[in-house]
Structures are given as C-alpha cells and as structure tokens.
Amino acid sequence: MINLFGDNLRYDLKASLVVFLVALPLCLGIAIASGAPPMSGLIAGIVGGIVVGTFSRSHVSVSGPAAGLTVIVLDSISSLGTFQLFLGALVAAGLIQLVLGFAKAGILGYYFPHSVIKGMLTAIGLILILKQIPHALGYDKDYLGDLAFKQLDDQNTFTEIYNAFIYFSPGAIPVVLLALAILIFFDQPKIKSHKFLGLIPGALWAVISGIVMNNLYKAWKPEWTLVDEHLVTIPDLDSLSELTSLLTFPDFGMIGEASFWIVAFTLAVIGSIETLLSIEAGDKMDPFKRMTPPSEELVAQGIGNTLSGLIGGLPITAVIVRTSANVASGARTKLSAIFHGILLMVLVLSIPQLLNQIPLSCLAAVLFMVGYKLAKPSIFIQEYEKGVNQFLPFIITVIAILLTDLLVGIGIGMVIGLYFVIRTNFQRAVMITELNGNYLVKLQKDVSFLNKAPLMRDLAQIPDGSKVILNASKARFIDHDIQDVLNDFIATAHTKNISITVEGYTYHLREA
C-alpha cells in the first residue's frame, strides 16, 4: 500500500505544480470557448482538484473542465437561454451521475478494449503536439487545450498550423525553444534524481524563463514583446470577497421542461463516458498499476458536478491531458490532484498579475513534452508487433480521433475493436481441421449465435464421403441456433455419405 504522505509528498508537490501550470490556461480557454464566464473554468478546475480529488479513489487522474464538452456546453447554454439555467441543468446532471455511481453503472468502463485505450492516449499525444505548434509560433487564435479537429473558428488542426507559419510572432519562437531546452535538461534521469536540481520541476523553470525573456524584449526588442492574446489572461482578483462576487448561482426555472432534462442527461452521460475512459487510461499509465473503482469515480464526479453547478462552474470530468501531465511529472498519490486545485485557488487570488505574464508559447513547450511521452514512435512499433487484431483498432482509433474529436473517435475505435473481438471469438470458439479427408469439428468454449454463419459455411464445405469427429467436450455453452445447425448436419450427413463420431455433445433429431 502506498501512503499519501512520507516520501511520496515531494513527488506529489512537484507534479501538482506542473499540473497547475497546464490546467490554468486550459480552464480559462475551455470556459471562453464554451461561451461561459472565464471564472467558471477556474471554479471547475478548483472543484475538480480539491473536491473530486478528495472523494476519488484514483491515485493519478486529475479532474476539471473538459475540452470534449465544449461544443455541448456552448449549445446547451444557447438552447436554455442563460448560463444560470445551464447551471441548474448541471446540478441535475451531477445528481444523475450520483445515481449512476450508486447503481454500479461504472462497470461499463471495464469493457473498453486495450487497443482502443492505447489508441486514445497516442492520439491525444499527437493532437497535443499538432495543436501546440501554432501557440509555439505565437499564433494564438484557438484556445490552448482544444482537442477537436474542427475548431470553433471554422479552421482545423492543419489549416491552423498553416496560418501559424504565415502569421507567426517572432518573439514566441526563442521563448519556446529555450523552454524546450530547459524541459529536456530537467527530464534527464540524473537531473531528476539530483539532490538539489531535482527539487523544482523543469516546467516551473521553463515558465520563469518565458516571463524573463518576454520582459527582456521590452527593453531590447520591443516589437517582439508578447502581449494580450499571447499571454495567460485571468481575472484580476484582489481578495476573496471579489472571488465570491464572481460566483454565479443556478436557476431551476425550467426544471419542469423537457429541454432542461435533455441537457442534464446529455451532460451526465457524456461526462461519465469521458470520465470512465480517462480513469481507464490513467490506470494504464500509473507506474504502480493501481485500479480505480469506476462506479465510485462516478459518485465522486457527481459530487463535483453538483457543487460546480451550485457555485457557477463548468461541467467536470476526469481529463486525460492533465492526468498525463500528472503521471509524466512523477505523481504518486491523489494528493497531487488536490494540491493542484489548491494552487489554482490560492495563486489566482494572490499573484494574478504575475500569472498573466506567462507566455502561452512556453506552456506549449510543456504540452509538447506531455504529447511526446504519450505518442513515442516506440509505441507504434510495440502495437504493430502485437499483430493485426491489436494494431488495426489501435491505428484506426488514432486516425479517427485526429480527424474528428475524442468521443467520436473513441466511438469509431470501439466499433472496430468490437469487430476484431467478434472475429477472434469466431476463430477460437469453433475450429475445423482436416487431415487426409478426416475432419475434426471442435467447439472450444462459449459458442453463441454469432458463430452460426461461419459454422454453416464451413460445414457445407466438407466434401462427400468424409469422416467427421464432432467434439464439444470443452464447450461450456452452445446457443440453441448452433445446436440447430449441428443437429441438421448430423441428421443429413448420411445423404452425403459422411460418417460422424460425436464426442461430448447430446443431439436430438427433430421430427419431420
């Protein structure tokens, strides 16, 4: 059992700082893209970190506002009419998630194929790299953390990169290059384990270097100075009272209307699916290979979304980008997620002016590193070596997510993965072998109606005059449709001069 404190504390503190740096612009960007107040994204990040982190039994996942829900939130606010009514629906969605959790619906998370989860992680790694190229070049028209191929400004991942090379900001390039150099240096094993150099994460030094360099521009090369959209932009809050004044409270005026509940159920179901995917992926990345109870995670998310809706926050899910950054930064326990939420709350209140000096280009460098660790070339080689049944669902999931969005891509990957699962079961459930005109028809485990078509085809191809052994001694279950096929074959075998020996199967000839 891994303790929350002790030796793990220093790892969790370092990781929480990196996750904070990643989460801060993502919370703001997702809120703006969702058509919600910027503060709503920060509230969701704080609640996701502190509240969900406390109730969750995941050791490495991080929760907060999700880019995958951006379009849904935007459309929901528009359909309901006001942000306050949307918050009311979010509270209802949180309560629905609680019900799903207590009903043990999270067990569905165990049925995501490994190849699809691996494809999702790799795709997100590639998306992070591709999506950060414009920010690295100082072209910050799209919000940091967007994962969808088609953007809200009608551009897409590749046209955005093309525009970035035309309309780049020269000051951003030295910032990102220096930040990358610092991150690579501090990622070396000898540096990470060093008694002094390993105390502070490289991401913090990268951010400090970006602030310093941008301030040097003001004195030496003013035209390169990064301002406005090229920097983090958070509300300037001088006190806790100003924070509470920005809280928004829900309106339940449409609770009796169908549109209210359509939004609530949509948020609950889509948010739960994204959460289950993310915690499954997080468990696979966890170096200690611990497992998160999925239904209990839905309860934690339900508590978080109910509270977030009550005080003006966006919907919360477990989010893979922040979880990936958490694992890559060496987090050991869930204290890292909780600490990142505390940092969001404390630092947004205490040093907003300093945070607003962080260039997005140096944060892009941090996400470059996270993306590379998720999508290393060796991962493609490893999946290829596992064979076509694993590689095709993996690579199709990667391509589908790259060209659509997370949920649509996962849906495509699940369909392909299910096809290969069924295909594999066809091959394993019924095996027909031939030697010198003698045929062995072997039923090896559970034989369902899905095996009916290939079994009928293979039996029909057995030539006249053959000797057939039908062995079902290892079959635990034989579907009635399969029994009908076998009984018909046995009953008509004499017409083709086929002799049959039956082992481990009791057949009944039907009356004409």
Protein backbone atom coordinates (compact mmCIF):
# COMPACT_ATOMS: atom_id res chain seq x y z
CA MET A 1 0.00 0.00 0.00
CA ILE A 2 1.33 3.43 -0.96
CA ASN A 3 0.98 6.07 1.75
CA LEU A 4 -0.35 9.53 0.94
CA PHE A 5 2.42 11.28 2.81
CA GLY A 6 6.03 10.45 3.68
CA ASP A 7 8.40 10.02 0.76
CA ASN A 8 5.57 10.48 -1.76
CA LEU A 9 4.86 14.06 -0.71
CA ARG A 10 7.79 15.60 -2.57
CA TYR A 11 6.81 13.80 -5.77
CA ASP A 12 3.20 14.91 -5.45
CA LEU A 13 4.11 18.53 -4.76
CA LYS A 14 6.34 18.70 -7.84
CA ALA A 15 3.70 17.07 -10.03
CA SER A 16 0.94 19.33 -8.71
CA LEU A 17 2.90 22.40 -9.77
CA VAL A 18 3.27 21.09 -13.33
CA VAL A 19 -0.43 20.16 -13.48
CA PHE A 20 -1.31 23.64 -12.21
CA LEU A 21 0.69 25.26 -15.00
CA VAL A 22 -1.07 23.07 -17.56
CA ALA A 23 -4.53 23.44 -16.00
CA LEU A 24 -4.54 27.23 -15.60
CA PRO A 25 -4.74 28.19 -19.31
CA LEU A 26 -6.89 25.13 -20.10
CA CYS A 27 -9.54 26.13 -17.55
CA LEU A 28 -9.68 29.65 -18.94
CA GLY A 29 -9.59 28.62 -22.59
CA ILE A 30 -12.30 25.98 -22.25
CA ALA A 31 -14.58 28.44 -20.44
CA ILE A 32 -14.19 31.10 -23.14
CA ALA A 33 -14.70 28.55 -25.94
CA SER A 34 -17.83 27.28 -24.14
CA GLY A 35 -19.42 30.74 -24.11
CA ALA A 36 -19.21 30.84 -20.31
CA PRO A 37 -17.57 33.37 -17.95
CA PRO A 38 -13.78 32.77 -17.63
CA MET A 39 -14.20 32.38 -13.88
CA SER A 40 -16.43 29.32 -14.43
CA GLY A 41 -13.48 27.39 -15.83
CA LEU A 42 -11.31 28.23 -12.83
CA ILE A 43 -14.12 27.23 -10.44
CA ALA A 44 -14.45 23.88 -12.21
CA GLY A 45 -10.68 23.38 -12.00
CA ILE A 46 -10.64 24.17 -8.28
CA VAL A 47 -13.63 21.92 -7.51
CA GLY A 48 -12.25 19.17 -9.76
CA GLY A 49 -8.92 19.27 -7.97
CA ILE A 50 -9.96 19.66 -4.34
CA VAL A 51 -13.44 18.12 -4.11
CA VAL A 52 -13.33 15.37 -6.76
CA GLY A 53 -9.70 14.67 -5.84
CA THR A 54 -10.75 14.13 -2.22
CA PHE A 55 -13.65 11.77 -2.96
CA SER A 56 -12.00 9.95 -5.87
CA ARG A 57 -10.14 6.71 -5.30
CA SER A 58 -7.97 7.24 -8.37
CA HIS A 59 -4.34 7.79 -7.48
CA VAL A 60 -3.24 9.67 -10.61
CA SER A 61 -6.26 11.05 -12.51
CA VAL A 62 -6.97 14.79 -12.45
CA SER A 63 -10.44 16.26 -12.91
CA GLY A 64 -11.55 19.62 -14.27
CA PRO A 65 -13.37 21.24 -17.19
CA ALA A 66 -13.11 19.06 -20.30
CA ALA A 67 -12.39 20.27 -23.83
CA GLY A 68 -14.53 17.40 -25.15
CA LEU A 69 -17.66 19.01 -23.68
CA THR A 70 -17.03 22.48 -25.12
CA VAL A 71 -19.49 22.25 -28.03
CA ILE A 72 -22.12 20.56 -25.82
CA VAL A 73 -21.85 23.33 -23.21
CA LEU A 74 -21.98 26.05 -25.88
CA ASP A 75 -25.09 24.54 -27.49
CA SER A 76 -26.73 23.89 -24.10
CA ILE A 77 -26.32 27.49 -22.92
CA SER A 78 -27.80 28.66 -26.22
CA SER A 79 -30.75 26.24 -26.09
CA LEU A 80 -31.63 27.01 -22.45
CA GLY A 81 -31.15 30.75 -22.89
CA THR A 82 -28.98 31.71 -19.91
CA PHE A 83 -25.86 30.47 -18.15
CA GLN A 84 -27.80 30.30 -14.87
CA LEU A 85 -30.33 27.86 -16.37
CA PHE A 86 -27.42 25.80 -17.69
CA LEU A 87 -26.01 25.66 -14.16
CA GLY A 88 -29.34 24.31 -12.95
CA ALA A 89 -29.11 21.52 -15.54
CA LEU A 90 -25.53 20.85 -14.44
CA VAL A 91 -26.66 20.37 -10.83
CA ALA A 92 -29.25 17.86 -12.08
CA ALA A 93 -26.53 16.15 -14.17
CA GLY A 94 -24.39 15.79 -11.06
CA LEU A 95 -27.26 14.15 -9.19
CA ILE A 96 -27.82 11.78 -12.15
CA GLN A 97 -24.14 10.81 -12.01
CA LEU A 98 -24.56 10.04 -8.31
CA VAL A 99 -27.43 7.70 -9.16
CA LEU A 100 -25.35 6.04 -11.91
CA GLY A 101 -22.49 5.56 -9.49
CA PHE A 102 -24.65 4.04 -6.75
CA ALA A 103 -26.26 1.80 -9.41
CA LYS A 104 -22.77 0.47 -10.27
CA ALA A 105 -23.01 1.71 -13.87
CA GLY A 106 -19.28 2.38 -13.87
CA ILE A 107 -18.68 -1.32 -14.56
CA LEU A 108 -19.08 -0.42 -18.27
CA GLY A 109 -15.61 1.09 -18.04
CA TYR A 110 -14.11 -2.39 -17.84
CA TYR A 111 -15.26 -3.19 -21.37
CA PHE A 112 -13.14 -0.68 -23.29
CA PRO A 113 -10.61 -2.67 -25.38
CA HIS A 114 -6.96 -2.13 -24.51
CA SER A 115 -6.07 -1.31 -28.12
CA VAL A 116 -8.68 1.48 -28.20
CA ILE A 117 -7.49 3.00 -24.90
CA LYS A 118 -3.90 2.86 -26.15
CA GLY A 119 -5.01 4.47 -29.40
CA MET A 120 -6.80 7.22 -27.47
CA LEU A 121 -3.67 8.04 -25.45
CA THR A 122 -1.45 8.06 -28.53
CA ALA A 123 -3.93 10.20 -30.49
CA ILE A 124 -4.10 12.75 -27.68
CA GLY A 125 -0.31 12.86 -27.64
CA LEU A 126 -0.22 13.61 -31.37
CA ILE A 127 -3.02 16.16 -31.04
CA LEU A 128 -1.16 17.95 -28.24
CA ILE A 129 1.91 18.22 -30.44
CA LEU A 130 -0.01 19.39 -33.52
CA LYS A 131 -2.23 21.81 -31.59
CA GLN A 132 0.72 23.42 -29.79
CA ILE A 133 2.61 24.29 -32.97
CA PRO A 134 0.55 27.47 -33.55
CA HIS A 135 0.99 28.54 -29.90
CA ALA A 136 4.71 27.82 -30.14
CA LEU A 137 4.84 30.16 -33.12
CA GLY A 138 2.80 32.83 -31.36
CA TYR A 139 -0.40 32.32 -33.34
CA ASP A 140 -2.95 32.11 -30.51
CA LYS A 141 -6.33 32.35 -32.25
CA ASP A 142 -7.56 29.00 -30.90
CA TYR A 143 -7.70 28.32 -27.18
CA LEU A 144 -4.92 26.33 -25.55
CA GLY A 145 -6.07 22.75 -24.98
CA ASP A 146 -8.52 22.38 -27.88
CA LEU A 147 -8.52 18.70 -28.91
CA ALA A 148 -11.08 18.75 -31.76
CA PHE A 149 -10.01 18.58 -35.40
CA LYS A 150 -12.60 21.17 -36.47
CA GLN A 151 -12.25 24.32 -34.41
CA LEU A 152 -14.93 26.78 -33.34
CA ASP A 153 -13.46 29.41 -35.72
CA ASP A 154 -14.09 27.07 -38.70
CA GLN A 155 -10.38 26.28 -39.01
CA ASN A 156 -8.99 22.81 -38.40
CA THR A 157 -5.80 21.39 -36.94
CA PHE A 158 -3.83 21.58 -40.18
CA THR A 159 -5.10 24.91 -41.51
CA GLU A 160 -4.29 26.42 -38.11
CA ILE A 161 -0.68 25.23 -38.44
CA TYR A 162 -0.53 26.65 -41.98
CA ASN A 163 -1.80 30.03 -40.75
CA ALA A 164 0.69 29.98 -37.89
CA PHE A 165 3.64 29.75 -40.25
CA ILE A 166 2.31 32.78 -42.15
CA TYR A 167 1.24 34.94 -39.21
CA PHE A 168 3.76 33.88 -36.56
CA SER A 169 5.03 36.16 -33.78
CA PRO A 170 8.86 36.13 -33.86
CA GLY A 171 9.15 36.70 -30.11
CA ALA A 172 7.41 33.42 -29.34
CA ILE A 173 9.98 31.23 -31.06
CA PRO A 174 13.01 31.92 -28.76
CA VAL A 175 10.67 31.54 -25.77
CA VAL A 176 9.50 28.07 -26.80
CA LEU A 177 12.98 26.91 -27.83
CA LEU A 178 14.50 27.94 -24.51
CA ALA A 179 11.60 26.37 -22.61
CA LEU A 180 12.01 23.09 -24.53
CA ALA A 181 15.75 23.04 -23.84
CA ILE A 182 15.10 23.53 -20.11
CA LEU A 183 12.43 20.81 -20.05
CA ILE A 184 14.67 18.31 -21.86
CA PHE A 185 17.56 19.11 -19.49
CA PHE A 186 15.45 18.64 -16.36
CA ASP A 187 13.90 15.44 -17.74
CA GLN A 188 17.26 13.65 -17.69
CA PRO A 189 17.34 10.87 -15.05
CA LYS A 190 20.47 12.23 -13.39
CA ILE A 191 18.93 15.69 -13.05
CA LYS A 192 15.54 14.40 -11.85
CA SER A 193 17.23 12.40 -9.10
CA HIS A 194 19.70 15.14 -8.14
CA LYS A 195 19.53 16.25 -4.52
CA PHE A 196 19.04 19.95 -5.37
CA LEU A 197 18.27 20.26 -9.10
CA GLY A 198 15.50 17.67 -8.78
CA LEU A 199 13.58 19.63 -6.15
CA ILE A 200 11.86 22.04 -8.56
CA PRO A 201 10.24 20.74 -11.77
CA GLY A 202 11.63 21.85 -15.10
CA ALA A 203 8.19 23.19 -16.09
CA LEU A 204 8.48 25.94 -13.48
CA TRP A 205 11.94 26.95 -14.74
CA ALA A 206 10.56 26.93 -18.29
CA VAL A 207 7.73 29.29 -17.28
CA ILE A 208 10.12 31.57 -15.41
CA SER A 209 12.41 31.70 -18.44
CA GLY A 210 9.44 32.71 -20.63
CA ILE A 211 8.44 35.55 -18.29
CA VAL A 212 12.04 36.79 -18.03
CA MET A 213 12.66 36.65 -21.78
CA ASN A 214 9.43 38.47 -22.59
CA ASN A 215 10.36 41.23 -20.14
CA LEU A 216 13.81 41.48 -21.73
CA TYR A 217 12.11 42.03 -25.08
CA LYS A 218 10.53 45.20 -23.68
CA ALA A 219 13.99 46.70 -23.14
CA TRP A 220 15.97 45.27 -26.07
CA LYS A 221 13.45 44.39 -28.80
CA PRO A 222 10.01 45.89 -28.08
CA GLU A 223 8.48 44.68 -31.34
CA TRP A 224 8.96 41.08 -30.21
CA THR A 225 7.12 41.57 -26.91
CA LEU A 226 4.24 39.12 -26.39
CA VAL A 227 1.05 40.79 -25.14
CA ASP A 228 -2.71 40.25 -24.87
CA GLU A 229 -3.79 37.00 -26.55
CA HIS A 230 -0.24 35.61 -26.39
CA LEU A 231 -0.31 35.55 -22.57
CA VAL A 232 -2.35 33.84 -19.89
CA THR A 233 -5.33 36.06 -19.03
CA ILE A 234 -7.12 35.55 -15.73
CA PRO A 235 -9.47 37.91 -13.87
CA ASP A 236 -7.63 40.30 -11.56
CA LEU A 237 -8.93 39.38 -8.11
CA ASP A 238 -7.52 41.20 -5.10
CA SER A 239 -9.47 39.43 -2.37
CA LEU A 240 -11.70 36.52 -1.52
CA SER A 241 -14.70 38.88 -1.49
CA GLU A 242 -14.06 39.70 -5.14
CA LEU A 243 -13.93 36.00 -5.90
CA THR A 244 -17.30 35.37 -4.25
CA SER A 245 -18.78 38.30 -6.15
CA LEU A 246 -17.96 36.47 -9.40
CA LEU A 247 -19.78 33.30 -8.37
CA THR A 248 -22.91 32.56 -10.39
CA PHE A 249 -25.81 30.62 -8.93
CA PRO A 250 -28.15 28.23 -10.75
CA ASP A 251 -31.66 28.92 -11.97
CA PHE A 252 -34.09 25.98 -11.80
CA GLY A 253 -36.91 27.82 -13.56
CA MET A 254 -37.04 25.28 -16.43
CA ILE A 255 -36.89 22.15 -14.27
CA GLY A 256 -40.31 21.08 -15.46
CA GLU A 257 -39.41 21.28 -19.17
CA ALA A 258 -38.02 18.52 -21.37
CA SER A 259 -35.16 20.67 -22.73
CA PHE A 260 -33.79 21.09 -19.19
CA TRP A 261 -33.61 17.33 -18.64
CA ILE A 262 -32.23 16.63 -22.13
CA VAL A 263 -29.26 18.86 -21.28
CA ALA A 264 -28.90 17.30 -17.82
CA PHE A 265 -28.89 13.70 -19.12
CA THR A 266 -26.56 14.62 -22.00
CA LEU A 267 -24.03 16.17 -19.61
CA ALA A 268 -24.30 13.22 -17.20
CA VAL A 269 -23.92 10.50 -19.83
CA ILE A 270 -21.21 12.13 -21.98
CA GLY A 271 -19.31 13.32 -18.90
CA SER A 272 -19.46 9.83 -17.39
CA ILE A 273 -18.18 8.20 -20.57
CA GLU A 274 -15.26 10.63 -20.78
CA THR A 275 -14.50 10.05 -17.10
CA LEU A 276 -14.51 6.25 -17.47
CA LEU A 277 -12.23 6.48 -20.50
CA SER A 278 -9.85 8.82 -18.69
CA ILE A 279 -9.57 6.79 -15.48
CA GLU A 280 -9.03 3.60 -17.50
CA ALA A 281 -6.25 5.37 -19.40
CA GLY A 282 -4.85 6.83 -16.17
CA ASP A 283 -4.70 3.39 -14.56
CA LYS A 284 -2.76 2.08 -17.57
CA MET A 285 -0.25 4.93 -17.23
CA ASP A 286 0.08 4.52 -13.45
CA PRO A 287 3.56 3.04 -12.85
CA PHE A 288 2.19 1.18 -9.80
CA LYS A 289 -0.70 -0.31 -11.87
CA ARG A 290 -3.38 0.50 -9.29
CA MET A 291 -7.04 0.19 -10.27
CA THR A 292 -9.74 2.80 -9.75
CA PRO A 293 -13.26 1.57 -8.85
CA PRO A 294 -15.23 3.09 -11.75
CA SER A 295 -18.61 3.34 -10.03
CA GLU A 296 -17.06 5.11 -7.05
CA GLU A 297 -15.43 7.51 -9.51
CA LEU A 298 -18.86 8.36 -10.92
CA VAL A 299 -20.01 9.16 -7.39
CA ALA A 300 -17.01 11.48 -6.92
CA GLN A 301 -17.71 13.18 -10.26
CA GLY A 302 -21.39 13.53 -9.34
CA ILE A 303 -20.48 15.31 -6.12
CA GLY A 304 -18.09 17.58 -8.02
CA ASN A 305 -20.56 18.48 -10.77
CA THR A 306 -23.35 19.17 -8.28
CA LEU A 307 -21.12 21.57 -6.35
CA SER A 308 -19.67 23.12 -9.52
CA GLY A 309 -23.18 23.85 -10.81
CA LEU A 310 -24.22 25.36 -7.48
CA ILE A 311 -21.41 27.95 -7.48
CA GLY A 312 -21.04 28.76 -11.18
CA GLY A 313 -18.54 26.25 -12.56
CA LEU A 314 -18.36 24.30 -15.80
CA PRO A 315 -19.02 20.53 -16.05
CA ILE A 316 -16.22 18.40 -14.61
CA THR A 317 -14.79 15.11 -15.86
CA ALA A 318 -11.59 13.22 -15.34
CA VAL A 319 -9.36 14.72 -18.05
CA ILE A 320 -6.61 12.88 -19.84
CA VAL A 321 -4.28 15.81 -20.67
CA ARG A 322 -3.89 16.85 -17.03
CA THR A 323 -3.75 13.21 -15.93
CA SER A 324 -0.97 12.57 -18.46
CA ALA A 325 0.97 15.59 -17.21
CA ASN A 326 0.45 14.36 -13.65
CA VAL A 327 1.84 10.89 -14.34
CA ALA A 328 4.69 12.21 -16.50
CA SER A 329 5.69 14.55 -13.66
CA GLY A 330 6.06 11.68 -11.21
CA ALA A 331 2.85 11.89 -9.13
CA ARG A 332 2.50 9.06 -6.61
CA THR A 333 -0.88 9.69 -4.94
CA LYS A 334 -4.08 11.69 -5.35
CA LEU A 335 -2.62 14.49 -3.21
CA SER A 336 -1.10 15.82 -6.42
CA ALA A 337 -4.58 16.42 -7.89
CA ILE A 338 -5.77 18.01 -4.64
CA PHE A 339 -2.70 20.26 -4.38
CA HIS A 340 -3.14 21.46 -7.97
CA GLY A 341 -6.69 22.57 -7.07
CA ILE A 342 -5.38 24.40 -4.01
CA LEU A 343 -2.72 26.11 -6.13
CA LEU A 344 -5.38 27.24 -8.61
CA MET A 345 -7.41 28.80 -5.82
CA VAL A 346 -4.54 30.38 -3.87
CA LEU A 347 -2.34 31.65 -6.72
CA VAL A 348 -5.21 33.05 -8.79
CA LEU A 349 -6.11 35.14 -5.75
CA SER A 350 -2.59 36.08 -4.65
CA ILE A 351 -0.48 36.64 -7.81
CA PRO A 352 -2.79 37.15 -10.80
CA GLN A 353 -0.56 39.90 -12.22
CA LEU A 354 2.43 37.53 -12.31
CA LEU A 355 0.42 34.66 -13.78
CA ASN A 356 -0.80 36.98 -16.52
CA GLN A 357 2.80 37.42 -17.67
CA ILE A 358 3.17 33.73 -18.64
CA PRO A 359 3.54 33.37 -22.45
CA LEU A 360 1.39 30.67 -23.99
CA SER A 361 4.37 29.65 -26.09
CA CYS A 362 6.31 28.40 -23.05
CA LEU A 363 3.22 26.48 -21.84
CA ALA A 364 3.09 24.97 -25.34
CA ALA A 365 6.56 23.59 -24.68
CA VAL A 366 5.27 21.84 -21.55
CA LEU A 367 2.44 20.26 -23.55
CA PHE A 368 4.90 19.27 -26.30
CA MET A 369 6.71 17.15 -23.74
CA VAL A 370 3.49 15.60 -22.45
CA GLY A 371 2.41 14.83 -26.01
CA TYR A 372 5.72 13.22 -26.93
CA LYS A 373 5.60 10.89 -23.93
CA LEU A 374 2.12 9.75 -24.98
CA ALA A 375 2.99 9.25 -28.66
CA LYS A 376 6.58 7.99 -28.79
CA PRO A 377 7.48 6.14 -32.03
CA SER A 378 8.22 3.04 -29.93
CA ILE A 379 4.52 2.82 -29.03
CA PHE A 380 3.57 2.32 -32.69
CA ILE A 381 6.22 -0.40 -33.03
CA GLN A 382 5.02 -2.19 -29.90
CA GLU A 383 1.40 -2.20 -31.06
CA TYR A 384 2.39 -3.36 -34.56
CA GLU A 385 4.28 -6.30 -33.10
CA LYS A 386 1.13 -7.46 -31.27
CA GLY A 387 -0.48 -8.40 -34.59
CA VAL A 388 -3.26 -7.14 -36.80
CA ASN A 389 -6.05 -7.77 -34.25
CA GLN A 390 -4.44 -5.24 -31.90
CA PHE A 391 -2.76 -2.88 -34.34
CA LEU A 392 -5.73 -2.10 -36.61
CA PRO A 393 -8.11 -1.00 -33.82
CA PHE A 394 -5.19 0.98 -32.34
CA ILE A 395 -4.22 2.86 -35.51
CA ILE A 396 -7.83 3.39 -36.65
CA THR A 397 -8.64 4.90 -33.24
CA VAL A 398 -5.63 7.21 -33.56
CA ILE A 399 -6.64 8.40 -37.02
CA ALA A 400 -10.33 8.75 -36.12
CA ILE A 401 -9.59 10.92 -33.07
CA LEU A 402 -7.11 13.04 -35.04
CA LEU A 403 -9.69 13.76 -37.75
CA THR A 404 -12.81 14.17 -35.56
CA ASP A 405 -12.80 14.60 -31.80
CA LEU A 406 -12.23 12.47 -28.73
CA LEU A 407 -15.72 10.99 -28.29
CA VAL A 408 -16.45 10.40 -31.99
CA GLY A 409 -13.01 8.88 -32.50
CA ILE A 410 -13.43 6.59 -29.50
CA GLY A 411 -16.82 5.52 -30.85
CA ILE A 412 -15.26 4.56 -34.18
CA GLY A 413 -12.43 2.78 -32.39
CA MET A 414 -14.91 0.84 -30.22
CA VAL A 415 -16.81 -0.38 -33.30
CA ILE A 416 -13.58 -1.55 -34.95
CA GLY A 417 -12.36 -3.07 -31.68
CA LEU A 418 -15.66 -4.93 -31.25
CA TYR A 419 -15.37 -6.29 -34.79
CA PHE A 420 -11.95 -7.77 -34.03
CA VAL A 421 -13.17 -9.17 -30.70
CA ILE A 422 -16.01 -10.95 -32.52
CA ARG A 423 -13.62 -12.06 -35.27
CA THR A 424 -11.23 -13.51 -32.71
CA ASN A 425 -14.04 -15.30 -30.91
CA PHE A 426 -15.19 -16.81 -34.20
CA GLN A 427 -11.74 -18.26 -34.68
CA ARG A 428 -11.42 -19.55 -31.12
CA ALA A 429 -14.96 -20.83 -30.46
CA VAL A 430 -15.15 -23.17 -33.46
CA MET A 431 -12.12 -24.81 -35.02
CA ILE A 432 -12.28 -27.12 -38.04
CA THR A 433 -9.15 -29.00 -39.13
CA GLU A 434 -8.62 -31.59 -41.88
CA LEU A 435 -6.11 -34.42 -42.36
CA ASN A 436 -6.32 -36.92 -45.24
CA GLY A 437 -10.06 -36.48 -45.62
CA ASN A 438 -10.73 -36.72 -41.90
CA TYR A 439 -12.28 -33.62 -40.29
CA LEU A 440 -12.28 -32.50 -36.68
CA VAL A 441 -15.00 -30.00 -35.75
CA LYS A 442 -14.10 -28.75 -32.27
CA LEU A 443 -16.24 -26.45 -30.14
CA GLN A 444 -13.84 -24.91 -27.65
CA LYS A 445 -15.76 -22.59 -25.32
CA ASP A 446 -18.93 -20.48 -25.40
CA VAL A 447 -20.44 -20.82 -28.89
CA SER A 448 -23.00 -18.07 -29.50
CA PHE A 449 -25.38 -17.35 -32.37
CA LEU A 450 -22.66 -15.05 -33.77
CA ASN A 451 -20.80 -18.21 -34.84
CA LYS A 452 -23.78 -19.52 -36.80
CA ALA A 453 -22.92 -18.13 -40.25
CA PRO A 454 -19.25 -19.22 -40.38
CA LEU A 455 -20.13 -22.65 -38.88
CA MET A 456 -22.82 -23.27 -41.54
CA ARG A 457 -20.38 -22.19 -44.26
CA ASP A 458 -17.58 -24.45 -43.03
CA LEU A 459 -19.82 -27.50 -42.53
CA ALA A 460 -21.25 -27.07 -46.04
CA GLN A 461 -17.73 -27.24 -47.48
CA ILE A 462 -16.98 -30.68 -46.00
CA PRO A 463 -16.93 -33.00 -49.06
CA ASP A 464 -18.99 -36.16 -49.58
CA GLY A 465 -17.59 -39.35 -48.12
CA SER A 466 -15.62 -37.63 -45.35
CA LYS A 467 -15.16 -38.84 -41.81
CA VAL A 468 -16.06 -36.19 -39.22
CA ILE A 469 -15.43 -36.06 -35.49
CA LEU A 470 -17.65 -33.53 -33.72
CA ASN A 471 -16.04 -32.73 -30.36
CA ALA A 472 -17.83 -30.46 -27.89
CA SER A 473 -16.25 -31.71 -24.66
CA LYS A 474 -14.73 -28.29 -23.87
CA ALA A 475 -17.78 -26.22 -24.80
CA ARG A 476 -19.34 -24.59 -21.74
CA PHE A 477 -22.31 -23.12 -23.61
CA ILE A 478 -23.82 -23.87 -27.01
CA ASP A 479 -26.51 -21.49 -28.27
CA HIS A 480 -29.78 -23.02 -29.49
CA ASP A 481 -29.13 -21.68 -33.01
CA ILE A 482 -25.79 -23.53 -33.04
CA GLN A 483 -27.47 -26.70 -31.75
CA ASP A 484 -29.95 -26.49 -34.65
CA VAL A 485 -27.10 -26.21 -37.16
CA LEU A 486 -25.28 -29.21 -35.64
CA ASN A 487 -28.47 -31.31 -35.42
CA ASP A 488 -29.29 -30.57 -39.07
CA PHE A 489 -25.76 -31.51 -40.13
CA ILE A 490 -25.89 -34.77 -38.17
CA ALA A 491 -29.36 -35.63 -39.46
CA THR A 492 -28.45 -35.09 -43.12
CA ALA A 493 -24.90 -36.43 -43.06
CA HIS A 494 -25.97 -39.84 -44.47
CA THR A 495 -27.20 -38.16 -47.66
CA LYS A 496 -23.60 -37.14 -48.40
CA ASN A 497 -22.13 -40.43 -47.18
CA ILE A 498 -20.46 -38.58 -44.28
CA SER A 499 -19.76 -40.66 -41.19
CA ILE A 500 -19.90 -38.75 -37.88
CA THR A 501 -18.48 -39.51 -34.47
CA VAL A 502 -19.95 -37.29 -31.75
CA GLU A 503 -17.99 -36.56 -28.54
CA GLY A 504 -19.28 -34.50 -25.61
CA TYR A 505 -22.49 -33.43 -27.33
CA THR A 506 -26.03 -34.75 -26.92
CA TYR A 507 -28.12 -34.18 -30.03
CA HIS A 508 -31.82 -34.61 -30.65
CA LEU A 509 -33.21 -35.25 -34.11
CA ARG A 510 -36.28 -33.16 -34.76
CA GLU A 511 -39.41 -34.79 -36.09
CA ALA A 512 -40.26 -34.02 -39.71
